[in-house]
């Protein structure tokens, strides 16, 4: 990618961070986010990792939205990002929350290869890439589950939510329409906290937790 595109992204990222009210990022962390974007654009020329690559769109929709979710992590020590794709929200959160153990779960081999390369390049000791399908792993050992762009989300999310233990939460990045469809036929006995994403009329971060606690 060109130096101009990289500089444009960095500028837009800094602006988005300010507009979203995201605080506490160091210069090193911002440069790590820029490096992830540079790698993403390079790999995206060979593999279809994401359709969002323009500097302003990527800075706002991929990175700032992912970072905004970090304020809802609470006291979680472990996070499983289900169907992380190109690494959202796993990578931005891992970069800015080094005390959190982040597992980026991705079944697609090509995407998983990119994630592994990016982890090594960015030297993220607190991030682990796991190449597996959701149904082949045990989600019970993680404090926080996250999901942003899961394939077949409407079909898979009910079982994910119903499987939450008393100490677990799910942080779902979604649109209002998906939330409406989910809540129309189940979720009795679960707590639902809805948070509007800045600069968006329909995008939400929804926190699900067991009502038994």
Protein backbone atom coordinates (compact mmCIF):
# COMPACT_ATOMS: atom_id res chain seq x y z
CA UNK A 1 0.00 0.00 0.00
CA UNK A 2 1.09 3.59 -0.51
CA UNK A 3 2.57 5.79 2.17
CA UNK A 4 -0.17 8.30 1.42
CA UNK A 5 -2.89 5.79 2.23
CA UNK A 6 -1.15 4.78 5.44
CA UNK A 7 -0.79 8.40 6.56
CA UNK A 8 -4.42 9.10 5.67
CA UNK A 9 -5.53 6.15 7.79
CA UNK A 10 -3.44 7.26 10.76
CA UNK A 11 -4.94 10.74 10.54
CA UNK A 12 -8.49 9.37 10.34
CA UNK A 13 -7.82 6.94 13.18
CA UNK A 14 -6.66 9.72 15.48
CA UNK A 15 -9.76 11.76 14.60
CA UNK A 16 -12.08 8.79 15.17
CA UNK A 17 -10.50 8.04 18.54
CA UNK A 18 -11.19 11.61 19.66
CA UNK A 19 -14.76 11.64 18.34
CA UNK A 20 -15.57 8.34 20.01
CA UNK A 21 -14.18 9.54 23.34
CA UNK A 22 -11.57 6.77 23.48
CA UNK A 23 -8.83 7.68 25.95
CA UNK A 24 -5.49 6.36 27.12
CA UNK A 25 -3.95 5.10 23.88
CA UNK A 26 -0.18 5.41 23.66
CA UNK A 27 1.75 6.33 20.52
CA UNK A 28 3.02 2.75 20.35
CA UNK A 29 -0.53 1.41 20.37
CA UNK A 30 -1.65 3.80 17.64
CA UNK A 31 1.31 2.73 15.48
CA UNK A 32 0.42 -0.93 16.10
CA UNK A 33 -3.13 -0.24 14.87
CA UNK A 34 -1.70 1.47 11.79
CA UNK A 35 0.59 -1.51 11.15
CA UNK A 36 -2.36 -3.88 11.39
CA UNK A 37 -4.20 -1.78 8.82
CA UNK A 38 -1.19 -1.78 6.50
CA UNK A 39 -0.90 -5.57 6.71
CA UNK A 40 -4.64 -5.95 6.23
CA UNK A 41 -4.62 -3.90 3.02
CA UNK A 42 -1.64 -5.83 1.68
CA UNK A 43 -3.16 -9.24 2.38
CA UNK A 44 -6.56 -8.10 1.16
CA UNK A 45 -5.12 -7.89 -2.36
CA UNK A 46 -4.75 -11.69 -2.31
CA UNK A 47 -7.45 -12.81 0.09
CA UNK A 48 -10.91 -11.39 0.73
CA UNK A 49 -10.40 -10.35 4.34
CA UNK A 50 -12.70 -7.31 4.43
CA UNK A 51 -14.54 -4.99 2.06
CA UNK A 52 -13.78 -1.99 4.30
CA UNK A 53 -10.34 -0.65 3.35
CA UNK A 54 -10.76 3.07 2.63
CA UNK A 55 -8.90 5.01 5.36
CA UNK A 56 -11.89 6.89 6.80
CA UNK A 57 -14.26 3.91 6.69
CA UNK A 58 -11.70 1.52 8.14
CA UNK A 59 -10.69 3.92 10.91
CA UNK A 60 -14.29 4.43 12.00
CA UNK A 61 -16.10 1.17 11.27
CA UNK A 62 -13.37 -1.39 11.97
CA UNK A 63 -10.98 0.19 14.44
CA UNK A 64 -12.85 2.87 16.42
CA UNK A 65 -15.92 0.66 16.82
CA UNK A 66 -13.74 -2.20 18.05
CA UNK A 67 -11.92 0.08 20.48
CA UNK A 68 -15.20 1.54 21.75
CA UNK A 69 -16.20 -1.92 22.93
CA UNK A 70 -13.23 -2.04 25.29
CA UNK A 71 -15.11 0.14 27.79
CA UNK A 72 -17.55 -2.73 28.38
CA UNK A 73 -14.94 -5.38 29.20
CA UNK A 74 -15.21 -4.77 32.93
CA UNK A 75 -13.23 -7.19 35.08
CA UNK A 76 -12.87 -9.88 32.44
CA UNK A 77 -9.44 -11.47 32.24
CA UNK A 78 -10.04 -13.68 29.19
CA UNK A 79 -11.85 -12.91 25.94
CA UNK A 80 -12.86 -15.19 23.08
CA UNK A 81 -13.58 -13.36 19.82
CA UNK A 82 -15.84 -15.65 17.81
CA UNK A 83 -15.42 -15.50 14.05
CA UNK A 84 -12.85 -12.72 14.26
CA UNK A 85 -12.33 -12.52 10.48
CA UNK A 86 -9.65 -9.91 9.82
CA UNK A 87 -9.20 -9.44 13.57
CA UNK A 88 -12.07 -7.26 14.79
CA UNK A 89 -12.52 -6.56 17.61
CA UNK A 90 -9.77 -8.93 18.78
CA UNK A 91 -6.69 -7.05 17.56
CA UNK A 92 -7.63 -3.48 18.54
CA UNK A 93 -8.72 -4.68 21.99
CA UNK A 94 -5.61 -6.84 22.48
CA UNK A 95 -3.41 -3.89 21.47
CA UNK A 96 -5.03 -1.47 23.91
CA UNK A 97 -5.69 -3.93 26.76
CA UNK A 98 -2.40 -5.83 27.21
CA UNK A 99 -3.55 -7.25 30.55
CA UNK A 100 -6.39 -9.13 28.82
CA UNK A 101 -5.82 -12.58 27.33
CA UNK A 102 -7.49 -12.48 23.88
CA UNK A 103 -8.24 -15.55 21.79
CA UNK A 104 -9.06 -14.82 18.14
CA UNK A 105 -11.18 -17.69 16.85
CA UNK A 106 -11.35 -18.10 13.07
CA UNK A 107 -12.21 -21.22 11.08
CA UNK A 108 -11.07 -19.90 7.70
CA UNK A 109 -7.50 -21.05 7.07
CA UNK A 110 -6.45 -18.06 4.94
CA UNK A 111 -7.80 -15.53 7.43
CA UNK A 112 -6.19 -17.46 10.26
CA UNK A 113 -2.84 -17.33 8.48
CA UNK A 114 -3.14 -13.54 8.20
CA UNK A 115 -4.03 -13.26 11.88
CA UNK A 116 -1.01 -15.35 12.86
CA UNK A 117 1.33 -13.20 10.75
CA UNK A 118 -0.16 -10.01 12.19
CA UNK A 119 0.17 -11.29 15.76
CA UNK A 120 3.86 -12.04 15.18
CA UNK A 121 4.54 -8.72 13.42
CA UNK A 122 2.85 -6.72 16.17
CA UNK A 123 4.41 -8.86 18.94
CA UNK A 124 1.10 -9.32 20.76
CA UNK A 125 1.98 -11.69 23.59
CA UNK A 126 -1.57 -11.49 24.98
CA UNK A 127 -3.26 -12.63 21.75
CA UNK A 128 -3.67 -16.22 20.58
CA UNK A 129 -4.99 -17.25 17.17
CA UNK A 130 -7.11 -20.40 17.23
CA UNK A 131 -8.07 -21.99 13.92
CA UNK A 132 -11.25 -23.88 14.69
CA UNK A 133 -15.00 -23.90 14.29
CA UNK A 134 -17.06 -22.66 17.22
CA UNK A 135 -18.80 -26.00 17.66
CA UNK A 136 -15.45 -27.73 18.15
CA UNK A 137 -14.36 -25.73 21.19
CA UNK A 138 -15.56 -25.22 24.75
CA UNK A 139 -16.56 -21.60 25.32
CA UNK A 140 -17.12 -22.09 29.03
CA UNK A 141 -13.62 -21.14 30.11
CA UNK A 142 -13.71 -17.52 28.93
CA UNK A 143 -15.00 -14.54 30.91
CA UNK A 144 -16.11 -12.55 27.87
CA UNK A 145 -17.28 -13.71 24.45
CA UNK A 146 -17.29 -11.21 21.60
CA UNK A 147 -18.84 -11.36 18.17
CA UNK A 148 -18.83 -8.73 15.45
CA UNK A 149 -19.26 -10.23 11.99
CA UNK A 150 -20.11 -13.88 12.53
CA UNK A 151 -21.28 -15.84 9.50
CA UNK A 152 -24.83 -17.18 10.01
CA UNK A 153 -25.08 -15.02 13.12
CA UNK A 154 -28.85 -15.28 13.51
CA UNK A 155 -28.69 -19.08 13.47
CA UNK A 156 -25.68 -19.39 15.79
CA UNK A 157 -26.22 -16.64 18.36
CA UNK A 158 -29.18 -18.20 20.22
CA UNK A 159 -27.08 -21.24 21.20
CA UNK A 160 -24.13 -19.02 22.15
CA UNK A 161 -26.31 -16.85 24.38
CA UNK A 162 -28.24 -19.74 25.93
CA UNK A 163 -24.91 -21.42 26.74
CA UNK A 164 -23.60 -18.48 28.80
CA UNK A 165 -22.60 -19.46 32.31
CA UNK A 166 -23.40 -17.34 35.35
CA UNK A 167 -19.99 -15.63 35.19
CA UNK A 168 -19.88 -15.07 31.42
CA UNK A 169 -21.02 -12.23 29.18
CA UNK A 170 -21.39 -11.87 25.43
CA UNK A 171 -20.49 -8.53 23.80
CA UNK A 172 -22.26 -8.45 20.45
CA UNK A 173 -21.63 -5.79 17.80
CA UNK A 174 -24.81 -5.72 15.75
CA UNK A 175 -27.55 -3.70 14.07
CA UNK A 176 -30.96 -3.07 15.61
CA UNK A 177 -32.66 -5.40 13.15
CA UNK A 178 -30.60 -8.41 14.25
CA UNK A 179 -31.27 -7.62 17.91
CA UNK A 180 -34.98 -7.42 17.18
CA UNK A 181 -34.95 -10.82 15.52
CA UNK A 182 -33.02 -12.37 18.38
CA UNK A 183 -35.25 -10.96 21.12
CA UNK A 184 -38.47 -11.77 19.29
CA UNK A 185 -38.29 -15.50 19.96
CA UNK A 186 -36.07 -16.06 23.00
CA UNK A 187 -33.81 -14.51 25.67
CA UNK A 188 -36.13 -14.97 28.63
CA UNK A 189 -33.96 -15.11 31.74
CA UNK A 190 -31.10 -13.12 30.22
CA UNK A 191 -30.02 -9.57 30.94
CA UNK A 192 -29.62 -7.35 27.88
CA UNK A 193 -27.69 -4.06 28.00
CA UNK A 194 -27.91 -1.95 24.82
CA UNK A 195 -25.27 0.65 23.96
CA UNK A 196 -25.37 2.91 20.92
CA UNK A 197 -22.16 3.14 18.92
CA UNK A 198 -21.15 6.79 18.32
CA UNK A 199 -21.85 8.28 14.89
CA UNK A 200 -24.24 5.46 14.06
CA UNK A 201 -28.03 5.40 13.98
CA UNK A 202 -28.39 1.64 13.88
CA UNK A 203 -25.18 0.00 15.10
CA UNK A 204 -25.12 -1.25 18.69
CA UNK A 205 -22.95 -2.99 21.22
CA UNK A 206 -25.22 -5.30 23.17
CA UNK A 207 -24.11 -7.08 26.35
CA UNK A 208 -25.87 -10.34 27.17
CA UNK A 209 -25.51 -11.98 30.57
CA UNK A 210 -27.31 -14.67 32.51
CA UNK A 211 -30.23 -13.50 34.61
CA UNK A 212 -29.42 -16.19 37.16
CA UNK A 213 -26.54 -14.27 38.74
